Amino acid sequence: MTAEQLAAITGIVLSLAFSYIPGVKDWFDTLQPGKKQALMGALLIAVAGTVFGLSCSGIISAVSCSQSGAIGLVNVLINALIANQSTYLITRK
């Protein structure tokens, strides 16, 4: 599995969780559309930043701790954001 595929799956799972998990869905549904998109984006950015930080600290080895690794991570993050928003548009009621 490539990093891009894993990022897409993460984006999809996050979107489905906010669409279908009781309690979370109810809270999420009360947000305005712009806030929903911002929250999803912020969560995915936080995950990407955490992965980069953990990689740079030597805890995991998911991303190269370099400029090229950071650029690659941004590309993966873009795929996750696309998958996340596409899934939300498809699955919302």
Protein backbone atom coordinates (compact mmCIF):
# COMPACT_ATOMS: atom_id res chain seq x y z
CA MET A 1 0.00 0.00 0.00
CA THR A 2 1.34 3.38 -0.96
CA ALA A 3 1.33 6.47 1.24
CA GLU A 4 -1.21 8.05 -1.12
CA GLN A 5 -3.57 5.08 -0.75
CA LEU A 6 -3.19 5.13 3.03
CA ALA A 7 -3.89 8.86 3.12
CA ALA A 8 -6.98 8.42 0.96
CA ILE A 9 -8.25 5.66 3.24
CA THR A 10 -7.63 7.88 6.28
CA GLY A 11 -9.61 10.70 4.68
CA ILE A 12 -12.47 8.36 3.81
CA VAL A 13 -12.61 6.78 7.28
CA LEU A 14 -12.60 10.19 8.95
CA SER A 15 -15.44 11.38 6.73
CA LEU A 16 -17.49 8.23 7.34
CA ALA A 17 -16.91 8.47 11.09
CA PHE A 18 -18.32 12.01 11.19
CA SER A 19 -21.23 10.95 8.98
CA TYR A 20 -22.34 7.79 10.79
CA ILE A 21 -21.05 7.46 14.38
CA PRO A 22 -23.89 8.42 16.75
CA GLY A 23 -23.04 11.37 18.98
CA VAL A 24 -20.20 12.47 16.74
CA LYS A 25 -22.59 12.73 13.78
CA ASP A 26 -25.14 14.66 15.84
CA TRP A 27 -22.51 17.15 17.00
CA PHE A 28 -21.00 17.45 13.51
CA ASP A 29 -24.40 18.03 11.89
CA THR A 30 -24.88 21.19 14.00
CA LEU A 31 -21.82 22.85 12.43
CA GLN A 32 -22.03 25.17 9.46
CA PRO A 33 -20.67 23.72 6.18
CA GLY A 34 -17.56 25.90 6.22
CA LYS A 35 -16.74 24.84 9.76
CA LYS A 36 -17.20 21.18 8.83
CA GLN A 37 -14.70 21.51 5.99
CA ALA A 38 -12.27 23.42 8.17
CA LEU A 39 -12.49 20.80 10.93
CA MET A 40 -11.85 17.94 8.52
CA GLY A 41 -8.93 19.81 6.99
CA ALA A 42 -7.47 20.67 10.39
CA LEU A 43 -7.71 17.07 11.56
CA LEU A 44 -5.97 15.76 8.45
CA ILE A 45 -3.27 18.44 8.74
CA ALA A 46 -2.80 17.51 12.41
CA VAL A 47 -2.38 13.84 11.49
CA ALA A 48 0.15 14.71 8.77
CA GLY A 49 2.06 16.98 11.15
CA THR A 50 2.09 14.29 13.82
CA VAL A 51 3.40 11.71 11.36
CA PHE A 52 6.16 14.10 10.28
CA GLY A 53 7.05 14.95 13.87
CA LEU A 54 7.16 11.31 14.93
CA SER A 55 9.28 10.48 11.91
CA CYS A 56 11.74 13.28 12.66
CA SER A 57 11.99 12.20 16.29
CA GLY A 58 12.79 8.63 15.26
CA ILE A 59 9.70 7.08 16.81
CA ILE A 60 8.38 5.91 13.44
CA SER A 61 9.91 5.90 9.97
CA ALA A 62 6.95 6.83 7.79
CA VAL A 63 8.40 9.98 6.20
CA SER A 64 11.91 11.16 5.49
CA CYS A 65 12.75 14.02 7.85
CA SER A 66 13.88 16.33 5.08
CA GLN A 67 12.55 18.99 2.75
CA SER A 68 11.68 16.36 0.14
CA GLY A 69 9.93 14.29 2.82
CA ALA A 70 7.85 17.30 3.85
CA ILE A 71 6.94 18.04 0.23
CA GLY A 72 5.95 14.40 -0.27
CA LEU A 73 3.82 14.58 2.85
CA VAL A 74 2.03 17.67 1.52
CA ASN A 75 1.23 15.74 -1.67
CA VAL A 76 -0.14 12.87 0.41
CA LEU A 77 -2.15 15.34 2.51
CA ILE A 78 -3.74 16.75 -0.64
CA ASN A 79 -4.86 13.22 -1.60
CA ALA A 80 -6.35 12.73 1.86
CA LEU A 81 -8.23 16.02 1.66
CA ILE A 82 -9.64 15.14 -1.76
CA ALA A 83 -10.75 11.70 -0.60
CA ASN A 84 -12.25 13.14 2.56
CA GLN A 85 -14.31 15.82 0.84
CA SER A 86 -15.37 13.51 -2.00
CA THR A 87 -16.59 10.90 0.45
CA TYR A 88 -18.52 13.50 2.42
CA LEU A 89 -20.26 14.76 -0.72
CA ILE A 90 -21.18 11.24 -1.78
CA THR A 91 -22.41 9.98 1.61
CA ARG A 92 -24.18 12.99 3.09
CA LYS A 93 -27.96 12.92 3.19
